[in-house]
Protein backbone atom coordinates (compact mmCIF):
# COMPACT_ATOMS: atom_id res chain seq x y z
CA UNK A 1 -3.30 -10.99 31.49
CA UNK A 2 -5.77 -12.02 28.79
CA UNK A 3 -5.64 -10.12 25.51
CA UNK A 4 -8.56 -7.78 24.92
CA UNK A 5 -9.95 -8.10 21.42
CA UNK A 6 -10.07 -4.69 19.70
CA UNK A 7 -11.08 -5.60 16.15
CA UNK A 8 -14.88 -5.75 16.39
CA UNK A 9 -16.94 -7.08 13.48
CA UNK A 10 -17.85 -3.71 11.99
CA UNK A 11 -14.23 -2.55 12.07
CA UNK A 12 -13.14 -5.70 10.23
CA UNK A 13 -15.93 -5.23 7.66
CA UNK A 14 -14.88 -1.62 7.15
CA UNK A 15 -11.22 -2.49 6.62
CA UNK A 16 -12.19 -5.12 4.06
CA UNK A 17 -14.42 -2.64 2.22
CA UNK A 18 -11.53 -0.21 1.86
CA UNK A 19 -8.51 -2.50 1.60
CA UNK A 20 -9.94 -5.64 0.01
CA UNK A 21 -11.33 -8.98 1.13
CA UNK A 22 -9.14 -10.53 3.82
CA UNK A 23 -6.97 -7.43 4.33
CA UNK A 24 -6.62 -5.39 7.52
CA UNK A 25 -3.74 -3.20 6.30
CA UNK A 26 -3.46 -1.20 3.08
CA UNK A 27 -1.78 -2.21 -0.15
CA UNK A 28 -3.38 -5.57 -0.88
CA UNK A 29 -1.41 -8.02 -3.03
CA UNK A 30 1.01 -5.25 -3.99
CA UNK A 31 2.01 -4.85 -0.36
CA UNK A 32 2.79 -8.58 -0.10
CA UNK A 33 4.87 -8.33 -3.29
CA UNK A 34 6.90 -5.48 -1.77
CA UNK A 35 7.43 -7.46 1.43
CA UNK A 36 8.79 -10.39 -0.59
CA UNK A 37 10.67 -8.46 -3.30
CA UNK A 38 13.96 -10.19 -4.05
CA UNK A 39 13.33 -13.07 -1.64
CA UNK A 40 13.01 -16.73 -2.61
CA UNK A 41 9.56 -17.78 -1.37
CA UNK A 42 8.51 -20.89 -3.28
CA UNK A 43 7.91 -23.74 -0.84
CA UNK A 44 9.55 -21.69 1.90
CA UNK A 45 8.05 -21.76 5.39
CA UNK A 46 6.77 -18.29 6.28
CA UNK A 47 5.50 -16.99 9.61
CA UNK A 48 2.96 -14.15 9.24
CA UNK A 49 2.87 -12.21 12.55
CA UNK A 50 -0.42 -10.40 13.11
CA UNK A 51 -2.10 -12.30 10.29
CA UNK A 52 -5.58 -10.97 11.02
CA UNK A 53 -8.24 -12.63 8.87
CA UNK A 54 -5.73 -14.12 6.46
CA UNK A 55 -5.66 -12.02 3.28
CA UNK A 56 -1.87 -11.54 3.13
CA UNK A 57 -1.23 -15.20 4.02
CA UNK A 58 -3.49 -16.36 1.19
CA UNK A 59 -1.61 -14.11 -1.23
CA UNK A 60 1.71 -15.44 0.05
CA UNK A 61 0.53 -18.98 -0.70
CA UNK A 62 -1.25 -18.37 -4.01
CA UNK A 63 1.08 -15.93 -5.75
CA UNK A 64 4.38 -16.59 -4.01
CA UNK A 65 4.19 -20.35 -3.41
CA UNK A 66 4.88 -20.11 0.33
CA UNK A 67 3.75 -22.42 3.11
CA UNK A 68 2.38 -20.04 5.73
CA UNK A 69 1.72 -20.12 9.44
CA UNK A 70 -0.30 -17.09 10.51
CA UNK A 71 -0.49 -16.01 14.14
CA UNK A 72 -2.57 -13.35 15.88
CA UNK A 73 -3.47 -12.35 19.43
CA UNK A 74 -7.19 -12.12 18.59
CA UNK A 75 -8.83 -15.56 18.46
CA UNK A 76 -11.96 -14.36 16.57
CA UNK A 77 -9.75 -13.18 13.71
CA UNK A 78 -8.01 -16.56 13.62
CA UNK A 79 -11.40 -18.30 13.44
CA UNK A 80 -12.28 -16.16 10.40
CA UNK A 81 -8.91 -16.88 8.77
CA UNK A 82 -9.29 -20.63 9.23
CA UNK A 83 -12.79 -20.59 7.75
CA UNK A 84 -11.62 -18.51 4.79
CA UNK A 85 -8.65 -20.81 4.17
CA UNK A 86 -10.94 -23.81 4.04
CA UNK A 87 -13.35 -22.01 1.71
CA UNK A 88 -10.50 -21.06 -0.62
CA UNK A 89 -8.97 -24.54 -0.57
CA UNK A 90 -5.77 -23.16 0.99
CA UNK A 91 -5.93 -24.93 4.35
CA UNK A 92 -3.17 -27.29 3.20
CA UNK A 93 -0.78 -24.31 2.75
CA UNK A 94 -2.05 -21.84 5.36
CA UNK A 95 -2.26 -22.69 9.06
CA UNK A 96 -3.54 -20.20 11.64
CA UNK A 97 -2.89 -20.09 15.37
CA UNK A 98 -4.10 -17.82 18.17
CA UNK A 99 -1.18 -16.92 20.44
CA UNK A 100 -0.52 -14.99 23.65
CA UNK A 101 1.92 -12.18 24.34
CA UNK A 102 5.45 -13.44 24.95
CA UNK A 103 7.81 -15.95 23.34
CA UNK A 104 6.69 -17.38 20.02
CA UNK A 105 5.47 -21.01 20.29
CA UNK A 106 7.91 -22.41 17.73
CA UNK A 107 11.27 -24.21 17.88
CA UNK A 108 14.55 -22.53 17.01
CA UNK A 109 15.35 -22.22 13.29
CA UNK A 110 11.90 -23.34 12.10
CA UNK A 111 11.07 -20.66 9.48
CA UNK A 112 12.70 -19.36 6.30
CA UNK A 113 10.96 -15.96 6.42
CA UNK A 114 9.11 -13.98 9.07
CA UNK A 115 6.75 -11.36 7.63
CA UNK A 116 4.47 -8.86 9.32
CA UNK A 117 2.21 -6.15 7.90
CA UNK A 118 0.72 -3.36 10.00
CA UNK A 119 0.93 -5.36 13.23
CA UNK A 120 4.05 -4.36 15.17
CA UNK A 121 2.75 -0.80 15.33
CA UNK A 122 0.55 -2.06 18.18
CA UNK A 123 3.42 -3.80 20.02
CA UNK A 124 5.33 -1.78 22.61
CA UNK A 125 8.30 -4.15 23.05
CA UNK A 126 9.33 -4.51 19.43
CA UNK A 127 12.89 -5.45 20.42
CA UNK A 128 11.61 -8.61 22.12
CA UNK A 129 9.70 -9.55 18.94
CA UNK A 130 12.85 -9.08 16.83
CA UNK A 131 14.83 -11.33 19.17
CA UNK A 132 12.19 -14.04 18.93
CA UNK A 133 12.12 -13.69 15.13
CA UNK A 134 15.88 -14.13 15.01
CA UNK A 135 15.60 -17.26 17.17
CA UNK A 136 12.97 -18.98 15.02
CA UNK A 137 14.55 -18.07 11.67
CA UNK A 138 16.89 -20.48 9.94
CA UNK A 139 20.42 -19.16 9.31
CA UNK A 140 20.22 -16.86 6.30
CA UNK A 141 16.48 -16.36 6.79
CA UNK A 142 14.80 -12.98 6.46
CA UNK A 143 12.58 -10.79 8.61
CA UNK A 144 10.48 -8.43 6.45
CA UNK A 145 8.05 -5.84 7.73
CA UNK A 146 5.59 -3.17 6.63
CA UNK A 147 4.28 -0.91 9.35
CA UNK A 148 2.61 2.29 10.45
CA UNK A 149 5.22 4.57 12.00
CA UNK A 150 5.67 8.10 13.30
CA UNK A 151 7.89 11.09 12.69
CA UNK A 152 10.48 12.18 15.24
CA UNK A 153 9.24 14.13 18.24
CA UNK A 154 6.19 14.22 20.50
CA UNK A 155 2.79 13.15 19.21
CA UNK A 156 0.40 15.98 18.36
CA UNK A 157 -3.19 16.44 19.52
CA UNK A 158 -4.22 15.49 15.98
CA UNK A 159 -2.50 12.13 16.40
CA UNK A 160 -4.09 11.51 19.78
CA UNK A 161 -7.49 12.36 18.29
CA UNK A 162 -6.91 9.83 15.51
CA UNK A 163 -5.98 7.20 18.12
CA UNK A 164 -9.28 7.95 19.88
CA UNK A 165 -11.22 7.55 16.65
CA UNK A 166 -9.43 4.30 15.85
CA UNK A 167 -10.12 2.78 19.26
CA UNK A 168 -6.95 0.69 18.93
CA UNK A 169 -3.78 0.48 20.99
CA UNK A 170 -0.80 2.06 19.23
CA UNK A 171 2.89 2.05 20.12
CA UNK A 172 4.36 3.96 17.19
CA UNK A 173 8.09 4.12 16.53
CA UNK A 174 10.19 5.78 13.83
CA UNK A 175 11.69 4.00 10.84
CA UNK A 176 15.12 4.68 12.33
CA UNK A 177 14.00 2.92 15.52
CA UNK A 178 13.10 -0.18 13.52
CA UNK A 179 16.47 -0.22 11.76
CA UNK A 180 18.43 0.36 14.98
CA UNK A 181 16.56 -2.31 16.96
CA UNK A 182 16.83 -4.93 14.21
CA UNK A 183 20.59 -4.39 14.18
CA UNK A 184 20.78 -4.62 17.97
CA UNK A 185 18.80 -7.87 17.89
CA UNK A 186 21.49 -9.41 15.67
CA UNK A 187 20.14 -9.00 12.14
CA UNK A 188 22.50 -8.08 9.32
CA UNK A 189 21.93 -6.47 5.91
CA UNK A 190 19.25 -4.31 7.53
CA UNK A 191 17.52 -1.97 5.09
CA UNK A 192 14.54 0.38 5.16
CA UNK A 193 12.26 2.22 2.75
CA UNK A 194 10.03 5.17 3.63
CA UNK A 195 6.65 4.61 1.92
CA UNK A 196 4.94 7.65 3.45
CA UNK A 197 4.51 9.47 0.14
CA UNK A 198 2.55 6.52 -1.24
CA UNK A 199 0.12 6.29 1.66
CA UNK A 200 -0.25 10.06 1.99
CA UNK A 201 -1.85 10.01 -1.47
CA UNK A 202 -3.65 6.72 -0.86
CA UNK A 203 -5.23 7.84 2.43
CA UNK A 204 -6.73 10.90 0.71
CA UNK A 205 -8.09 8.67 -2.09
CA UNK A 206 -9.61 6.32 0.51
CA UNK A 207 -11.22 9.22 2.37
CA UNK A 208 -12.81 10.62 -0.77
CA UNK A 209 -14.08 7.13 -1.60
CA UNK A 210 -15.68 6.40 1.76
CA UNK A 211 -17.40 9.77 2.14
CA UNK A 212 -18.67 9.52 -1.43
CA UNK A 213 -19.12 6.47 -3.62
CA UNK A 214 -18.65 3.88 -0.86
CA UNK A 215 -20.79 5.60 1.79
CA UNK A 216 -24.18 4.06 0.87
CA UNK A 217 -22.69 0.57 1.05
CA UNK A 218 -21.08 1.40 4.41
CA UNK A 219 -24.37 2.68 5.83
CA UNK A 220 -26.16 -0.45 4.62
CA UNK A 221 -23.55 -2.84 5.98
CA UNK A 222 -22.50 -1.08 9.19
CA UNK A 223 -25.38 1.24 10.06
CA UNK A 224 -25.29 5.02 9.65
CA UNK A 225 -23.72 5.73 13.05
CA UNK A 226 -20.70 3.53 12.40
CA UNK A 227 -20.49 4.69 8.79
CA UNK A 228 -20.29 8.31 9.98
CA UNK A 229 -17.71 7.35 12.59
CA UNK A 230 -15.44 5.81 9.96
CA UNK A 231 -15.75 8.86 7.71
CA UNK A 232 -14.48 11.01 10.58
CA UNK A 233 -11.86 8.39 11.46
CA UNK A 234 -10.43 8.57 7.93
CA UNK A 235 -10.56 12.37 7.91
CA UNK A 236 -8.43 12.34 11.07
CA UNK A 237 -6.04 9.85 9.45
CA UNK A 238 -5.62 12.05 6.38
CA UNK A 239 -4.72 15.00 8.63
CA UNK A 240 -1.80 13.20 10.34
CA UNK A 241 -0.62 11.66 7.06
CA UNK A 242 -0.64 14.97 5.19
CA UNK A 243 1.10 16.72 8.11
CA UNK A 244 3.89 14.15 7.78
CA UNK A 245 3.38 12.90 11.32
CA UNK A 246 1.98 9.48 10.42
CA UNK A 247 4.56 7.49 8.46
CA UNK A 248 4.55 4.22 6.55
CA UNK A 249 7.64 2.13 5.99
CA UNK A 250 9.23 -1.17 5.03
CA UNK A 251 12.25 -2.70 6.70
CA UNK A 252 14.00 -6.03 6.62
CA UNK A 253 17.01 -7.85 7.97
CA UNK A 254 18.78 -11.18 7.48
CA UNK A 255 19.77 -13.70 10.13
CA UNK A 256 23.52 -14.37 9.87
CA UNK A 257 24.52 -17.76 8.57
């Protein structure tokens, strides 16, 4: 089955307005630094799963000295990432590929690090992704992840409303689920960090920004209808974050060897 592209142009523009040029998940360069904290990255080969339009990959190359291959299911995003890489003079260190669901198109033991930021939250079979990551990592290589997660229990009507406003496919899991499934896939030294407190504050700051100072620019760039939609979208996000239902977290694990 062909992948249906969900990240339309105005959504991408909105995410960049709030999160920075090239970014489709929060945190910017600081998020990349947290993903790589304590890891040796210089001249290491890094796979960025769900690379979007390339912002994190460019930061991995520029500030962390990595050689990056970014992959995404949405070909239009890959086209934007390739064009941006060329414009930034990073196309010798950042390669981008559109892929399909299923096994990763890389040989065994071909990467030093696999990183992903805000992408696995939309993948139902996370365990299959972990197994593929283990396969393509070199012995001693690391999987490192930042993601949108959920609290224990059934999803509330507030969460379902936020999904509706987002217009994206979500398959949320708990931080404990990530840790358990990484261990089951064969990773060792698995660790996790709950970052929900950080984004609970950040989401409120973003909401105040977009309904205030940023709104005129949004209306100019996106049109008033979409601008108003995104204000309501962020209001719904703040609700589930402040209720403690929407979580944010980091986790990582090492391939034995």
